[in-house]
Each structure stands twice: as C-alpha cells, then as structure tokens.
Amino acid sequence: MPSTLFLDGMRFAMVSSTASEVDSDAPTTFDYHQDGRLIWGEYTGDTVTEGRFVGEIAGAEVRVSFAHALVSDGSVVRGDAVSRAEQEDDGRIRLVEDFAVDGIDHVSVCLQV
C-alpha cells in the first residue's frame, strides 16, 4: 500500500464482522470523503439505518470515531476504530478494522467496490 492513502470518492462494502452477521446480499456500505489527512463519510445497510464517521489518514491506517443507529431498535452505537489498508491481488483495497463496542473488541473487513 502507498504510505498515504487516498480514499476520496471510494465505496467499501462489509464482507465480515465479529460484531454481527453480514448480509452478503445487502451489506453495510461505506462512502469515503477526504481532504488531506482528514477523512469522513457515511454508511448504511444491513443492521445500520444511518451512520457517520470522521477521523484521519495516518500512513496506511484510517483512524475514525463513528456513530450509527441500529435497525433493530434505533439505539445509537458509538466508538473508535483503526483500519489498516491492504491491497487485493486485483488492485482493490481491503480495510481490516479493529474496533470496540461496549468494551468488547471486534474486527470487520470491508472491500472496495
């Protein structure tokens, strides 16, 4: 991966998560915006009605704070996450994200679509 990521305008779809079962037919999708090191975006789908994130690019890592509402009961989940970018054989970017919800560590994987 390049030393500095450029994710502006990219969309990623969740392919796996230890926090929930991913619906492969309607996964959560994440849209990224970037200005220099500043990164922000929105996400929706699967278990999430609406979500937002904001943070920074640091080398090959994406560090964000996030908040989203759950489809199941409308409750709001907040947290922090660090993703490391990896390159797929076909050139797409895979983001492997470490995050915690309610003090429980999780890992999710998203792939550029």
Protein backbone atom coordinates (compact mmCIF):
# COMPACT_ATOMS: atom_id res chain seq x y z
CA MET A 1 0.00 0.00 0.00
CA PRO A 2 1.14 3.58 -0.53
CA SER A 3 2.43 5.41 2.53
CA THR A 4 -0.55 7.76 2.32
CA LEU A 5 -3.99 6.50 1.38
CA PHE A 6 -6.33 8.38 -0.91
CA LEU A 7 -9.89 7.16 -0.36
CA ASP A 8 -11.91 10.17 -1.55
CA GLY A 9 -14.95 9.06 -3.53
CA MET A 10 -14.45 5.37 -2.79
CA ARG A 11 -17.14 2.97 -1.59
CA PHE A 12 -16.48 -0.10 0.53
CA ALA A 13 -18.80 -2.99 1.43
CA MET A 14 -18.54 -5.01 4.62
CA VAL A 15 -17.67 -8.65 3.95
CA SER A 16 -17.25 -9.89 7.53
CA SER A 17 -17.57 -8.74 11.14
CA THR A 18 -17.24 -10.29 14.56
CA ALA A 19 -19.90 -7.82 15.84
CA SER A 20 -22.73 -9.06 13.62
CA GLU A 21 -23.60 -11.45 10.83
CA VAL A 22 -23.14 -9.73 7.46
CA ASP A 23 -25.93 -9.97 4.88
CA SER A 24 -23.96 -10.63 1.68
CA ASP A 25 -26.97 -9.56 -0.43
CA ALA A 26 -27.31 -6.18 1.36
CA PRO A 27 -24.10 -5.45 3.28
CA THR A 28 -23.34 -2.20 5.04
CA THR A 29 -21.67 0.15 2.55
CA PHE A 30 -19.30 2.99 3.47
CA ASP A 31 -18.73 6.11 1.34
CA TYR A 32 -15.45 7.95 1.94
CA HIS A 33 -14.54 11.64 1.56
CA GLN A 34 -11.07 13.05 2.10
CA ASP A 35 -9.31 16.40 2.29
CA GLY A 36 -5.59 15.89 3.00
CA ARG A 37 -5.38 13.73 6.12
CA LEU A 38 -8.99 14.47 7.15
CA ILE A 39 -11.40 11.62 6.35
CA TRP A 40 -15.18 11.45 6.81
CA GLY A 41 -18.13 9.59 5.47
CA GLU A 42 -21.44 7.88 5.87
CA TYR A 43 -22.64 4.30 5.95
CA THR A 44 -25.90 2.41 5.83
CA GLY A 45 -27.31 -1.04 5.14
CA ASP A 46 -27.68 -4.41 6.82
CA THR A 47 -28.00 -3.72 10.58
CA VAL A 48 -27.42 0.07 10.29
CA THR A 49 -30.12 2.63 9.43
CA GLU A 50 -27.67 5.56 9.28
CA GLY A 51 -24.06 6.04 10.33
CA ARG A 52 -21.31 8.66 10.20
CA PHE A 53 -17.57 8.60 10.75
CA VAL A 54 -14.81 11.20 10.93
CA GLY A 55 -11.09 10.88 11.50
CA GLU A 56 -7.72 10.89 9.84
CA ILE A 57 -5.43 9.04 7.48
CA ALA A 58 -2.11 8.15 9.10
CA GLY A 59 0.14 6.36 6.60
CA ALA A 60 -1.66 3.13 5.67
CA GLU A 61 -4.12 3.44 8.58
CA VAL A 62 -7.54 5.04 8.85
CA ARG A 63 -8.40 6.23 12.39
CA VAL A 64 -12.01 7.24 12.96
CA SER A 65 -14.72 7.86 15.52
CA PHE A 66 -18.15 6.62 14.48
CA ALA A 67 -21.82 6.65 15.45
CA HIS A 68 -24.74 4.76 13.92
CA ALA A 69 -28.34 3.82 14.63
CA LEU A 70 -29.36 0.16 14.66
CA VAL A 71 -32.23 -1.14 12.53
CA SER A 72 -33.34 -3.45 15.35
CA ASP A 73 -34.27 -0.82 17.95
CA GLY A 74 -32.94 2.58 16.86
CA SER A 75 -30.32 2.61 19.59
CA VAL A 76 -27.12 4.53 18.84
CA VAL A 77 -23.75 2.78 18.85
CA ARG A 78 -20.60 4.91 19.18
CA GLY A 79 -16.95 4.04 19.13
CA ASP A 80 -13.48 4.40 17.70
CA ALA A 81 -11.81 2.28 15.06
CA VAL A 82 -8.45 1.81 13.39
CA SER A 83 -8.34 0.22 9.93
CA ARG A 84 -5.26 -0.98 8.13
CA ALA A 85 -5.30 -0.93 4.35
CA GLU A 86 -4.24 -4.00 2.40
CA GLN A 87 -4.08 -4.46 -1.38
CA GLU A 88 -6.03 -7.29 -3.01
CA ASP A 89 -4.47 -9.20 -5.95
CA ASP A 90 -6.92 -7.42 -8.28
CA GLY A 91 -5.81 -3.96 -7.05
CA ARG A 92 -8.80 -3.22 -4.82
CA ILE A 93 -8.25 -2.02 -1.26
CA ARG A 94 -9.33 -4.11 1.73
CA LEU A 95 -9.77 -2.33 5.07
CA VAL A 96 -9.30 -4.51 8.16
CA GLU A 97 -10.82 -2.63 11.07
CA ASP A 98 -10.25 -3.11 14.80
CA PHE A 99 -12.94 -1.52 16.96
CA ALA A 100 -14.66 -1.88 20.31
CA VAL A 101 -18.36 -1.70 21.19
CA ASP A 102 -19.41 -1.74 24.85
CA GLY A 103 -15.87 -2.73 25.83
CA ILE A 104 -15.79 -5.76 23.52
CA ASP A 105 -13.11 -5.88 20.81
CA HIS A 106 -14.18 -6.68 17.27
CA VAL A 107 -12.74 -6.96 13.76
CA SER A 108 -14.50 -6.20 10.50
CA VAL A 109 -13.34 -6.43 6.91
CA CYS A 110 -14.54 -4.14 4.11
CA LEU A 111 -13.64 -4.38 0.42
CA GLN A 112 -13.58 -1.63 -2.18
CA VAL A 113 -16.49 -1.95 -4.62
